[in-house]
């Protein structure tokens, strides 16, 4: 009842886009993780220098297991860096560390898009499950009003994906500027590497938005078709 060839029509483009962006991220990271930054700083050292330069002494740096699991947690004001970033002196490492520091700067400045996205988290966590349940109940019982309510709640995921874009783009823009200003990267080649790594990462969020929108459109078409 809830899966049809129409689902593939909507989602195959999203699957292809997600696959291509995943390949591009790994390709860019692998390439520039082999190019040493002229500053010879590891990702953790670069992050520490940027923290000191920006007088952000309340932010901590801590390791986290995994590959490309780097993130900033505003709850404990900590930059979590994976081993491949924290302990390696490469263009990719300093780019990723600086990007996560960009999020710390957003947090310190009370950057509105970051606050808005954070406020959406509990709504999305509930809506991703409750919305699907309401859609199933509405279709099974032929109560389209319930199904449309489920779609409305489920749409929170697409809103969250959209709200993520300015947060991530801004963090990358800050990273690119900071790395040049502090001399952590110094050559045109290094700047190209930083741009390649961060732009590839940004594409994953665009792909995430496209996927969320296409999935939402599928459910809209499903409920709309049942109503007709």
Protein backbone atom coordinates (compact mmCIF):
# COMPACT_ATOMS: atom_id res chain seq x y z
CA UNK A 1 0.00 0.00 0.00
CA UNK A 2 2.74 2.42 0.94
CA UNK A 3 5.36 1.50 -1.63
CA UNK A 4 4.92 1.70 -5.36
CA UNK A 5 6.99 2.22 -8.50
CA UNK A 6 6.05 5.88 -8.17
CA UNK A 7 8.29 6.00 -5.10
CA UNK A 8 11.28 5.07 -7.26
CA UNK A 9 10.37 7.76 -9.78
CA UNK A 10 10.62 10.33 -7.01
CA UNK A 11 13.56 8.89 -5.11
CA UNK A 12 15.96 7.50 -7.74
CA UNK A 13 17.22 11.03 -8.58
CA UNK A 14 17.79 11.61 -4.87
CA UNK A 15 19.65 8.30 -4.49
CA UNK A 16 21.87 9.15 -7.46
CA UNK A 17 22.57 12.63 -6.12
CA UNK A 18 23.39 11.31 -2.65
CA UNK A 19 25.71 8.69 -4.13
CA UNK A 20 27.54 11.25 -6.28
CA UNK A 21 27.97 13.71 -3.42
CA UNK A 22 29.22 10.95 -1.12
CA UNK A 23 31.78 9.95 -3.75
CA UNK A 24 32.80 13.59 -4.26
CA UNK A 25 33.28 14.18 -0.52
CA UNK A 26 35.44 11.09 -0.11
CA UNK A 27 37.40 11.86 -3.25
CA UNK A 28 38.11 15.46 -2.20
CA UNK A 29 38.98 14.45 1.35
CA UNK A 30 41.29 11.63 0.25
CA UNK A 31 43.08 13.89 -2.23
CA UNK A 32 43.67 16.83 0.10
CA UNK A 33 44.37 14.74 3.18
CA UNK A 34 47.57 13.72 1.39
CA UNK A 35 48.63 17.35 0.83
CA UNK A 36 50.45 18.80 3.82
CA UNK A 37 49.50 22.29 4.96
CA UNK A 38 52.46 24.68 4.72
CA UNK A 39 51.88 25.67 8.34
CA UNK A 40 52.47 22.00 9.28
CA UNK A 41 49.65 22.21 11.81
CA UNK A 42 47.37 19.29 12.51
CA UNK A 43 43.64 19.85 12.61
CA UNK A 44 43.68 20.03 16.41
CA UNK A 45 46.59 22.48 16.42
CA UNK A 46 44.91 24.64 13.79
CA UNK A 47 41.71 24.68 15.82
CA UNK A 48 43.66 25.65 18.96
CA UNK A 49 45.37 28.51 17.13
CA UNK A 50 42.06 29.77 15.79
CA UNK A 51 40.49 29.57 19.24
CA UNK A 52 43.34 31.59 20.73
CA UNK A 53 43.24 34.14 17.92
CA UNK A 54 39.51 34.61 18.38
CA UNK A 55 39.78 34.70 22.18
CA UNK A 56 37.31 31.81 22.43
CA UNK A 57 38.86 30.24 25.49
CA UNK A 58 35.66 28.58 26.71
CA UNK A 59 35.61 26.13 23.79
CA UNK A 60 37.29 22.75 24.30
CA UNK A 61 38.78 20.35 21.75
CA UNK A 62 38.26 16.64 22.16
CA UNK A 63 38.78 13.56 20.03
CA UNK A 64 35.94 11.44 18.71
CA UNK A 65 36.06 7.99 17.16
CA UNK A 66 35.28 7.36 13.50
CA UNK A 67 36.05 8.87 10.14
CA UNK A 68 34.71 12.34 9.25
CA UNK A 69 32.65 12.35 12.44
CA UNK A 70 33.85 15.86 13.29
CA UNK A 71 31.29 18.22 14.80
CA UNK A 72 30.74 21.03 17.28
CA UNK A 73 28.37 20.45 20.20
CA UNK A 74 26.92 23.72 21.55
CA UNK A 75 25.67 21.96 24.68
CA UNK A 76 29.15 21.43 26.10
CA UNK A 77 31.01 23.99 23.92
CA UNK A 78 33.30 21.31 22.52
CA UNK A 79 34.89 20.70 19.11
CA UNK A 80 34.96 16.96 18.47
CA UNK A 81 37.60 16.01 15.91
CA UNK A 82 38.13 12.58 14.39
CA UNK A 83 41.65 11.05 14.42
CA UNK A 84 42.14 11.69 10.71
CA UNK A 85 41.52 15.38 11.27
CA UNK A 86 42.89 15.99 14.76
CA UNK A 87 46.23 14.24 14.29
CA UNK A 88 47.08 14.90 10.65
CA UNK A 89 48.73 18.02 9.23
CA UNK A 90 46.91 18.26 5.92
CA UNK A 91 44.89 20.78 3.96
CA UNK A 92 41.75 18.70 4.44
CA UNK A 93 42.30 18.47 8.20
CA UNK A 94 42.69 22.19 8.81
CA UNK A 95 39.72 22.92 6.51
CA UNK A 96 37.42 20.61 8.47
CA UNK A 97 38.69 21.82 11.86
CA UNK A 98 38.17 25.45 10.83
CA UNK A 99 34.67 24.66 9.58
CA UNK A 100 33.70 23.21 12.95
CA UNK A 101 35.23 26.22 14.65
CA UNK A 102 32.95 28.31 12.44
CA UNK A 103 30.02 26.66 14.22
CA UNK A 104 31.56 27.54 17.58
CA UNK A 105 31.79 31.17 16.45
CA UNK A 106 28.15 31.06 15.39
CA UNK A 107 27.23 29.74 18.81
CA UNK A 108 29.23 32.46 20.58
CA UNK A 109 27.58 35.16 18.46
CA UNK A 110 24.10 33.72 18.94
CA UNK A 111 23.81 33.34 15.16
CA UNK A 112 20.08 33.23 14.42
CA UNK A 113 20.07 30.49 11.72
CA UNK A 114 21.94 28.21 14.14
CA UNK A 115 19.44 28.92 16.92
CA UNK A 116 16.54 28.33 14.57
CA UNK A 117 17.96 25.00 13.40
CA UNK A 118 18.62 23.91 16.98
CA UNK A 119 15.04 24.75 17.92
CA UNK A 120 13.81 22.49 15.11
CA UNK A 121 15.69 19.42 16.36
CA UNK A 122 13.09 18.14 18.89
CA UNK A 123 10.27 18.91 16.45
CA UNK A 124 11.98 16.96 13.67
CA UNK A 125 12.84 14.04 15.96
CA UNK A 126 9.19 13.66 16.88
CA UNK A 127 7.79 14.50 13.46
CA UNK A 128 9.93 12.02 11.53
CA UNK A 129 8.23 9.17 13.39
CA UNK A 130 4.82 10.62 14.23
CA UNK A 131 4.29 12.00 10.73
CA UNK A 132 4.89 8.60 9.11
CA UNK A 133 2.55 6.92 11.58
CA UNK A 134 -0.24 9.42 10.90
CA UNK A 135 0.19 9.01 7.15
CA UNK A 136 -0.15 5.21 7.47
CA UNK A 137 -3.17 5.48 9.75
CA UNK A 138 -4.84 8.02 7.50
CA UNK A 139 -4.34 5.92 4.37
CA UNK A 140 -5.34 2.66 6.05
CA UNK A 141 -8.51 4.10 7.56
CA UNK A 142 -9.15 6.35 4.55
CA UNK A 143 -9.12 9.45 6.76
CA UNK A 144 -7.29 11.80 4.47
CA UNK A 145 -7.38 14.58 7.05
CA UNK A 146 -5.18 12.48 9.35
CA UNK A 147 -2.85 11.65 6.46
CA UNK A 148 -2.50 15.33 5.54
CA UNK A 149 -1.74 16.13 9.17
CA UNK A 150 0.99 13.49 9.03
CA UNK A 151 2.43 15.10 5.91
CA UNK A 152 2.41 18.50 7.59
CA UNK A 153 4.33 17.10 10.55
CA UNK A 154 6.65 15.08 8.30
CA UNK A 155 7.46 18.28 6.39
CA UNK A 156 9.50 19.39 9.39
CA UNK A 157 12.37 17.31 8.03
CA UNK A 158 12.47 19.32 4.82
CA UNK A 159 12.31 22.57 6.79
CA UNK A 160 15.21 21.39 8.92
CA UNK A 161 17.25 20.49 5.83
CA UNK A 162 16.55 23.94 4.40
CA UNK A 163 17.48 25.65 7.68
CA UNK A 164 20.76 23.73 7.70
CA UNK A 165 22.04 25.30 4.48
CA UNK A 166 22.77 28.85 5.71
CA UNK A 167 24.36 27.45 8.88
CA UNK A 168 26.76 25.21 6.98
CA UNK A 169 27.53 27.71 4.21
CA UNK A 170 28.29 30.41 6.75
CA UNK A 171 30.58 28.11 8.76
CA UNK A 172 32.52 27.26 5.61
CA UNK A 173 32.81 30.93 4.62
CA UNK A 174 34.19 31.72 8.08
CA UNK A 175 36.64 28.82 7.83
CA UNK A 176 38.03 29.94 4.48
CA UNK A 177 38.55 33.48 5.74
CA UNK A 178 40.09 32.45 9.07
CA UNK A 179 42.58 30.04 7.51
CA UNK A 180 43.93 32.76 5.22
CA UNK A 181 43.95 35.51 7.86
CA UNK A 182 45.89 33.41 10.36
CA UNK A 183 48.35 32.05 7.79
CA UNK A 184 47.40 28.44 8.41
CA UNK A 185 47.08 28.12 4.66
CA UNK A 186 49.36 30.24 2.52
CA UNK A 187 49.35 29.17 -1.12
CA UNK A 188 46.81 29.23 -3.93
CA UNK A 189 46.97 25.45 -4.11
CA UNK A 190 46.04 25.18 -0.43
CA UNK A 191 43.14 27.57 -0.93
CA UNK A 192 41.90 25.43 -3.80
CA UNK A 193 42.11 22.40 -1.54
CA UNK A 194 40.17 24.07 1.26
CA UNK A 195 37.51 25.19 -1.21
CA UNK A 196 37.26 21.72 -2.71
CA UNK A 197 36.85 19.98 0.67
CA UNK A 198 34.33 22.44 2.10
CA UNK A 199 32.33 22.81 -1.11
CA UNK A 200 32.07 19.03 -1.39
CA UNK A 201 30.78 18.84 2.17
CA UNK A 202 28.25 21.59 1.45
CA UNK A 203 26.85 19.58 -1.45
CA UNK A 204 25.85 16.82 0.95
CA UNK A 205 23.47 19.22 2.69
CA UNK A 206 22.02 20.28 -0.66
CA UNK A 207 21.52 16.62 -1.53
CA UNK A 208 19.88 16.09 1.84
CA UNK A 209 17.42 18.89 1.14
CA UNK A 210 16.60 17.50 -2.31
CA UNK A 211 16.03 14.05 -0.80
CA UNK A 212 13.74 15.40 1.92
CA UNK A 213 11.70 17.44 -0.56
CA UNK A 214 11.30 14.55 -3.02
CA UNK A 215 10.21 12.20 -0.26
CA UNK A 216 7.70 14.75 0.94
CA UNK A 217 6.37 15.20 -2.60
CA UNK A 218 5.94 11.44 -2.91
CA UNK A 219 3.74 11.33 0.18
CA UNK A 220 1.78 14.33 -1.05
CA UNK A 221 1.14 12.56 -4.35
CA UNK A 222 0.20 9.36 -2.51
CA UNK A 223 -2.34 11.01 -0.23
CA UNK A 224 -3.62 13.27 -3.00
CA UNK A 225 -4.12 10.28 -5.28
CA UNK A 226 -6.05 8.37 -2.63
CA UNK A 227 -8.30 11.37 -2.11
CA UNK A 228 -9.13 11.51 -5.79
